[in-house]
């Protein structure tokens, strides 16, 4: 038998005889096959099946990465433009900086080395003055747009100065050897920046008046001049010194020269300037006190301005190419070390400044 897709009837083949010749048989076989083809339905075509889909892990990972990037970008844009800390532009708007035609700053005017106004040349000089110019530059003010006003110690918290005509003038900030203390932070109108200088308390006497002064206790029962609202006054009270308060250091110097007092006690960075200017007239003494005086900028009731000032101090501290603070120290305080000998004047390194909470846009270089 034969087998295949179709089963055909088997017919025995016989030699030619009475039933017909070989040709007749062949013709009959063909006819029978054609009849059978007409009777049977055509076979159904076999379906062509697609191969099962394969899981493409690489494509899945690429899609997931794309989704993550889109989400990250969306969150970043929301943070940049909707939430988060203020940008520099927002801080400037909040502080009002762009509306100021000039920058008014309250400073001392009678402290050699820190802040001094020369009446003959009309020139301001000193460490505080250079720090003020540094801040003003970053705020966008030219030097001729910075206006300095001399003020008294008790006016540093009031943000009030006096012009050349004797008129009271409000200032935008105070940079006047103003030490940061917890007590002062609680005062109305006082808001400090980060520290910009570390110094300590010392004493100044007429040359040869004392054999030696090494501690605050050596001033017990002595008449000592100090600046009003100065941190030195508290230490002098503890040793029961007779304290005479003045609003300007030049007034204390006059009292000392007139022998109305035996000594002056205030920050070493202030007294070092007088020792350097008049080396044969004064003795400068280290009191060996542990507390450090940290000078800060008072911006009054302007928190946005505080952040802008801190941003300048942070840039100056962080960027090794920014040498403005170092130059100010070298040219005003370091030059006084020879005449002051072993007396510490101030720390010759800028105080560490924490990074201000300011939003930096991708195209900006806010922090330097």
Protein backbone atom coordinates (compact mmCIF):
# COMPACT_ATOMS: atom_id res chain seq x y z
CA UNK A 1 0.00 0.00 0.00
CA UNK A 2 0.97 3.50 -0.47
CA UNK A 3 0.30 6.31 1.95
CA UNK A 4 0.41 10.08 1.63
CA UNK A 5 -1.76 13.15 1.95
CA UNK A 6 -4.57 11.36 0.00
CA UNK A 7 -5.57 7.60 0.03
CA UNK A 8 -6.21 6.46 -3.48
CA UNK A 9 -8.16 3.16 -4.31
CA UNK A 10 -5.77 0.36 -5.17
CA UNK A 11 -6.42 -1.41 -8.40
CA UNK A 12 -4.65 -4.51 -9.44
CA UNK A 13 -2.95 -4.18 -12.76
CA UNK A 14 -3.33 -7.16 -15.18
CA UNK A 15 -1.75 -7.79 -18.53
CA UNK A 16 -3.68 -6.88 -21.62
CA UNK A 17 -6.48 -9.28 -22.27
CA UNK A 18 -10.09 -9.32 -22.72
CA UNK A 19 -10.44 -6.41 -20.25
CA UNK A 20 -8.36 -4.07 -22.38
CA UNK A 21 -4.97 -3.16 -23.44
CA UNK A 22 -2.33 -1.39 -21.37
CA UNK A 23 -3.22 1.91 -22.96
CA UNK A 24 -6.87 1.40 -22.06
CA UNK A 25 -5.96 0.70 -18.48
CA UNK A 26 -3.80 3.83 -18.26
CA UNK A 27 -6.56 5.98 -19.70
CA UNK A 28 -9.03 4.50 -17.24
CA UNK A 29 -6.64 5.17 -14.27
CA UNK A 30 -6.31 8.82 -15.24
CA UNK A 31 -10.08 9.19 -15.55
CA UNK A 32 -10.65 7.58 -12.18
CA UNK A 33 -8.09 9.86 -10.48
CA UNK A 34 -9.65 12.99 -11.99
CA UNK A 35 -13.08 11.83 -10.78
CA UNK A 36 -11.70 11.24 -7.31
CA UNK A 37 -10.11 14.73 -7.25
CA UNK A 38 -13.47 16.23 -8.10
CA UNK A 39 -15.14 14.32 -5.27
CA UNK A 40 -12.67 15.21 -2.45
CA UNK A 41 -12.52 18.77 -0.98
CA UNK A 42 -9.18 20.57 -1.27
CA UNK A 43 -7.06 20.32 1.88
CA UNK A 44 -7.11 23.28 4.27
CA UNK A 45 -3.88 25.32 4.17
CA UNK A 46 -1.65 24.91 7.16
CA UNK A 47 -1.54 28.16 9.25
CA UNK A 48 1.71 30.10 9.32
CA UNK A 49 2.42 30.85 12.99
CA UNK A 50 4.51 33.87 14.09
CA UNK A 51 7.26 33.03 16.54
CA UNK A 52 6.48 34.01 20.17
CA UNK A 53 7.75 37.53 21.07
CA UNK A 54 11.04 37.70 22.92
CA UNK A 55 11.41 39.97 26.05
CA UNK A 56 13.93 42.74 25.22
CA UNK A 57 15.62 43.62 28.52
CA UNK A 58 17.82 46.29 26.94
CA UNK A 59 14.87 48.21 25.59
CA UNK A 60 13.13 47.98 28.97
CA UNK A 61 16.14 49.41 30.74
CA UNK A 62 16.44 52.23 28.22
CA UNK A 63 12.79 53.13 28.67
CA UNK A 64 13.13 53.07 32.46
CA UNK A 65 16.20 55.31 32.28
CA UNK A 66 14.37 57.77 30.06
CA UNK A 67 11.46 57.91 32.48
CA UNK A 68 13.81 58.49 35.41
CA UNK A 69 15.54 61.35 33.57
CA UNK A 70 12.22 62.96 32.75
CA UNK A 71 11.09 62.74 36.39
CA UNK A 72 14.41 64.11 37.63
CA UNK A 73 14.24 67.02 35.21
CA UNK A 74 10.66 67.75 36.21
CA UNK A 75 11.52 67.74 39.92
CA UNK A 76 14.55 69.94 39.30
CA UNK A 77 12.50 72.47 37.39
CA UNK A 78 9.90 72.50 40.15
CA UNK A 79 12.60 73.10 42.75
CA UNK A 80 14.31 75.79 40.66
CA UNK A 81 11.28 77.79 39.72
CA UNK A 82 8.62 76.91 42.29
CA UNK A 83 10.12 75.90 45.63
CA UNK A 84 13.40 75.86 47.51
CA UNK A 85 15.59 78.71 48.78
CA UNK A 86 15.59 82.12 47.08
CA UNK A 87 17.89 82.92 44.18
CA UNK A 88 20.31 85.84 44.19
CA UNK A 89 17.91 87.86 42.03
CA UNK A 90 15.10 87.20 44.50
CA UNK A 91 17.31 88.15 47.45
CA UNK A 92 18.31 91.40 45.74
CA UNK A 93 14.65 92.21 45.14
CA UNK A 94 13.74 91.39 48.74
CA UNK A 95 16.64 93.44 50.11
CA UNK A 96 15.87 96.38 47.82
CA UNK A 97 19.48 96.58 46.64
CA UNK A 98 18.64 97.42 43.04
CA UNK A 99 16.65 100.48 44.11
CA UNK A 100 19.52 102.07 46.07
CA UNK A 101 21.36 104.84 44.17
CA UNK A 102 24.24 104.45 46.62
CA UNK A 103 25.26 102.14 49.44
CA UNK A 104 25.39 103.91 52.82
CA UNK A 105 27.59 102.19 55.41
CA UNK A 106 28.13 103.14 59.02
CA UNK A 107 31.77 102.79 60.09
CA UNK A 108 34.20 104.05 62.67
CA UNK A 109 36.30 107.02 61.63
CA UNK A 110 38.99 107.25 64.31
CA UNK A 111 40.54 103.78 64.45
CA UNK A 112 43.94 103.47 62.77
CA UNK A 113 44.22 100.17 60.93
CA UNK A 114 40.53 99.30 61.09
CA UNK A 115 38.58 102.39 60.02
CA UNK A 116 40.01 105.90 59.80
CA UNK A 117 39.00 109.06 57.97
CA UNK A 118 41.81 111.44 57.12
CA UNK A 119 40.38 114.97 57.23
CA UNK A 120 43.25 116.39 55.20
CA UNK A 121 43.06 113.93 52.29
CA UNK A 122 39.36 112.99 52.63
CA UNK A 123 40.37 109.35 52.31
CA UNK A 124 38.92 106.40 54.23
CA UNK A 125 41.27 103.53 55.10
CA UNK A 126 41.44 100.42 57.25
CA UNK A 127 40.46 96.78 57.39
CA UNK A 128 36.74 97.46 57.90
CA UNK A 129 36.79 99.89 54.97
CA UNK A 130 38.30 97.27 52.66
CA UNK A 131 35.76 94.66 53.80
CA UNK A 132 33.01 97.19 53.09
CA UNK A 133 34.33 97.76 49.56
CA UNK A 134 34.50 93.99 49.02
CA UNK A 135 30.83 93.56 49.96
CA UNK A 136 29.79 96.61 47.96
CA UNK A 137 31.56 95.28 44.87
CA UNK A 138 29.63 92.01 44.99
CA UNK A 139 26.39 93.92 45.47
CA UNK A 140 27.12 95.82 42.27
CA UNK A 141 28.23 99.20 43.64
CA UNK A 142 31.24 101.12 42.35
CA UNK A 143 33.58 102.68 44.86
CA UNK A 144 32.24 106.14 44.16
CA UNK A 145 28.74 104.81 44.92
CA UNK A 146 29.73 103.76 48.44
CA UNK A 147 29.05 106.39 51.09
CA UNK A 148 30.73 106.02 54.49
CA UNK A 149 29.36 107.68 57.60
CA UNK A 150 31.19 107.82 60.93
CA UNK A 151 29.16 106.59 63.88
CA UNK A 152 29.49 106.17 67.61
CA UNK A 153 29.57 102.79 69.31
CA UNK A 154 26.08 103.04 70.79
CA UNK A 155 24.64 103.84 67.33
CA UNK A 156 25.81 100.60 65.75
CA UNK A 157 22.62 98.82 66.85
CA UNK A 158 20.46 101.79 65.88
CA UNK A 159 21.85 101.85 62.31
CA UNK A 160 22.23 105.60 62.65
CA UNK A 161 25.23 107.71 61.71
CA UNK A 162 26.07 111.41 61.46
CA UNK A 163 26.99 113.24 58.29
CA UNK A 164 29.49 116.11 57.98
CA UNK A 165 26.77 118.62 58.76
CA UNK A 166 25.92 116.83 61.98
CA UNK A 167 22.66 115.46 60.61
CA UNK A 168 21.48 111.98 61.60
CA UNK A 169 21.58 109.56 58.67
CA UNK A 170 20.18 106.01 58.48
CA UNK A 171 22.56 103.48 56.94
CA UNK A 172 21.99 100.20 55.11
CA UNK A 173 24.63 98.30 57.05
CA UNK A 174 27.16 98.77 59.85
CA UNK A 175 30.76 97.57 59.55
CA UNK A 176 32.31 99.04 62.66
CA UNK A 177 34.31 96.54 64.75
CA UNK A 178 30.95 95.27 66.04
CA UNK A 179 31.44 92.06 68.03
CA UNK A 180 28.79 89.36 67.71
CA UNK A 181 27.30 88.42 71.09
CA UNK A 182 24.16 86.59 72.16
CA UNK A 183 22.99 89.67 74.02
CA UNK A 184 23.33 91.86 70.94
CA UNK A 185 21.53 89.33 68.74
CA UNK A 186 18.44 89.89 70.88
CA UNK A 187 18.54 93.66 70.44
CA UNK A 188 16.05 95.37 68.14
CA UNK A 189 17.59 96.40 64.84
CA UNK A 190 20.53 94.00 65.07
CA UNK A 191 21.04 91.19 62.57
CA UNK A 192 24.59 89.93 62.15
CA UNK A 193 26.29 88.40 59.17
CA UNK A 194 28.79 85.60 59.56
CA UNK A 195 32.03 86.72 61.31
CA UNK A 196 34.64 88.42 59.16
CA UNK A 197 37.42 88.85 61.76
CA UNK A 198 38.55 87.23 65.01
CA UNK A 199 40.38 89.34 67.59
CA UNK A 200 40.54 89.61 71.41
CA UNK A 201 40.57 92.18 74.19
CA UNK A 202 43.74 93.94 75.24
CA UNK A 203 44.87 97.05 77.12
CA UNK A 204 46.73 100.24 76.20
CA UNK A 205 48.63 102.42 78.66
CA UNK A 206 51.06 105.31 78.51
CA UNK A 207 54.56 104.09 77.89
CA UNK A 208 56.32 103.11 81.13
CA UNK A 209 53.25 103.70 83.33
CA UNK A 210 53.01 99.99 84.26
CA UNK A 211 55.85 97.55 84.69
CA UNK A 212 53.63 94.81 83.30
CA UNK A 213 49.99 93.96 82.66
CA UNK A 214 49.24 90.33 81.90
CA UNK A 215 45.66 89.81 83.10
CA UNK A 216 42.50 91.82 83.51
CA UNK A 217 43.01 91.52 87.28
CA UNK A 218 46.02 93.83 86.97
CA UNK A 219 43.53 96.62 86.26
CA UNK A 220 41.66 96.13 89.52
CA UNK A 221 40.70 99.45 91.10
CA UNK A 222 42.29 101.27 88.18
CA UNK A 223 40.52 103.90 86.09
CA UNK A 224 39.97 102.34 82.71
CA UNK A 225 38.33 103.85 79.65
CA UNK A 226 36.27 101.60 77.38
CA UNK A 227 33.88 102.14 74.51
CA UNK A 228 30.21 102.32 75.42
CA UNK A 229 28.35 99.03 74.86
CA UNK A 230 31.76 97.36 74.47
CA UNK A 231 32.23 93.76 75.53
CA UNK A 232 35.30 94.89 77.48
CA UNK A 233 33.14 96.74 79.98
CA UNK A 234 31.71 93.50 81.37
CA UNK A 235 35.14 92.01 81.99
CA UNK A 236 36.30 95.23 83.66
CA UNK A 237 33.30 95.21 85.98
CA UNK A 238 34.21 91.72 87.14
CA UNK A 239 37.63 92.88 88.37
CA UNK A 240 36.08 95.99 89.95
CA UNK A 241 37.90 98.44 87.73
CA UNK A 242 36.58 102.02 87.62
CA UNK A 243 35.14 102.16 84.11
CA UNK A 244 34.74 105.35 82.11
CA UNK A 245 32.63 104.79 78.97
CA UNK A 246 33.14 106.79 75.81
CA UNK A 247 31.51 106.63 72.37
CA UNK A 248 34.72 106.98 70.35
CA UNK A 249 38.19 105.61 70.85
CA UNK A 250 39.75 109.04 70.26
CA UNK A 251 37.96 110.23 73.39
CA UNK A 252 39.59 107.43 75.40
CA UNK A 253 42.97 108.32 73.90
CA UNK A 254 42.50 111.92 74.97
CA UNK A 255 41.60 110.80 78.51
CA UNK A 256 44.69 108.62 78.65
CA UNK A 257 46.97 111.36 77.42
CA UNK A 258 45.44 113.74 79.94
CA UNK A 259 45.94 111.05 82.62
CA UNK A 260 42.24 111.03 83.45
CA UNK A 261 42.45 107.25 83.15
CA UNK A 262 45.20 104.72 83.72
CA UNK A 263 44.44 102.47 80.77
CA UNK A 264 42.16 101.75 77.85
CA UNK A 265 40.67 98.32 77.27
CA UNK A 266 38.92 97.21 74.11
CA UNK A 267 39.59 94.99 71.08
CA UNK A 268 43.27 94.41 70.25
CA UNK A 269 42.73 95.15 66.55
CA UNK A 270 41.67 98.68 67.54
CA UNK A 271 44.40 99.42 70.09
CA UNK A 272 47.14 97.97 67.86
CA UNK A 273 46.57 100.79 65.41
CA UNK A 274 47.38 103.44 68.03
CA UNK A 275 50.42 101.55 69.21
CA UNK A 276 51.62 101.33 65.61
CA UNK A 277 50.94 105.00 64.90
CA UNK A 278 52.51 106.24 68.17
CA UNK A 279 55.01 103.51 69.19
CA UNK A 280 56.94 105.74 71.60
CA UNK A 281 53.84 106.98 73.38
CA UNK A 282 51.94 103.79 74.30
CA UNK A 283 52.42 100.28 75.64
CA UNK A 284 50.11 97.56 74.34
CA UNK A 285 49.31 94.62 76.66
CA UNK A 286 47.92 91.15 76.04
CA UNK A 287 45.37 90.30 78.76
CA UNK A 288 45.39 86.56 78.07
CA UNK A 289 41.60 86.31 77.85
CA UNK A 290 40.08 83.17 76.35
CA UNK A 291 36.95 84.69 74.78
CA UNK A 292 37.34 85.60 71.12
CA UNK A 293 35.80 88.74 69.68
CA UNK A 294 34.09 87.92 66.38
CA UNK A 295 33.28 90.97 64.29
CA UNK A 296 30.18 90.88 62.11
CA UNK A 297 28.24 93.12 59.74
CA UNK A 298 24.97 94.46 61.14
CA UNK A 299 22.32 94.60 58.39
CA UNK A 300 19.46 95.68 60.64
CA UNK A 301 16.00 94.36 59.79
CA UNK A 302 17.01 93.01 56.39
CA UNK A 303 17.41 89.20 56.33
CA UNK A 304 17.81 89.13 52.55
CA UNK A 305 20.77 91.52 52.79
CA UNK A 306 22.27 89.29 55.48
CA UNK A 307 22.32 86.36 53.03
CA UNK A 308 23.88 88.49 50.32
CA UNK A 309 26.64 89.62 52.69
CA UNK A 310 27.20 86.02 53.82
CA UNK A 311 27.44 85.01 50.16
CA UNK A 312 30.31 87.47 49.64
CA UNK A 313 32.09 86.25 52.77
CA UNK A 314 31.57 82.62 51.69
CA UNK A 315 32.98 83.26 48.22
CA UNK A 316 35.96 85.06 49.70
CA UNK A 317 36.61 82.18 52.11
CA UNK A 318 36.06 79.34 49.63
CA UNK A 319 37.74 80.64 46.48
CA UNK A 320 41.57 80.50 46.72
CA UNK A 321 41.76 82.98 43.84
CA UNK A 322 39.76 85.56 45.79
CA UNK A 323 42.46 87.30 47.84
CA UNK A 324 40.53 90.42 48.81
CA UNK A 325 40.26 89.46 52.49
CA UNK A 326 43.93 88.47 52.66
CA UNK A 327 45.02 91.74 51.07
CA UNK A 328 42.87 93.72 53.50
CA UNK A 329 44.47 91.94 56.45
CA UNK A 330 48.00 92.24 55.10
CA UNK A 331 47.78 95.93 54.27
CA UNK A 332 46.02 97.05 57.45
CA UNK A 333 46.69 94.67 60.34
CA UNK A 334 49.66 92.49 59.46
CA UNK A 335 51.81 95.59 58.95
CA UNK A 336 51.25 96.51 62.62
CA UNK A 337 52.82 93.35 64.05
CA UNK A 338 56.36 94.73 64.15
CA UNK A 339 55.51 97.61 66.47
CA UNK A 340 53.12 95.51 68.55
CA UNK A 341 55.66 92.70 68.88
CA UNK A 342 54.26 89.64 70.68
CA UNK A 343 50.79 91.11 71.24
CA UNK A 344 48.16 89.19 69.23
CA UNK A 345 46.27 91.63 67.03
CA UNK A 346 43.86 89.36 65.16
CA UNK A 347 43.70 85.91 63.62
CA UNK A 348 45.45 86.08 60.25
CA UNK A 349 42.93 83.79 58.61
CA UNK A 350 39.42 84.53 57.47
CA UNK A 351 36.78 82.95 59.72
CA UNK A 352 35.06 79.90 58.26
CA UNK A 353 31.74 80.75 56.65
CA UNK A 354 28.90 78.28 56.17
CA UNK A 355 27.45 78.00 52.68
CA UNK A 356 24.41 80.30 52.47
CA UNK A 357 21.07 78.74 51.59
CA UNK A 358 20.78 80.30 48.14
CA UNK A 359 19.29 78.71 45.03
CA UNK A 360 21.77 78.41 42.18
CA UNK A 361 20.32 78.16 38.67
CA UNK A 362 22.07 75.76 36.24
CA UNK A 363 23.54 78.61 34.18
CA UNK A 364 24.83 80.51 37.24
CA UNK A 365 28.02 80.27 39.28
CA UNK A 366 26.68 81.73 42.49
CA UNK A 367 29.14 80.19 44.90
CA UNK A 368 32.28 80.74 42.85
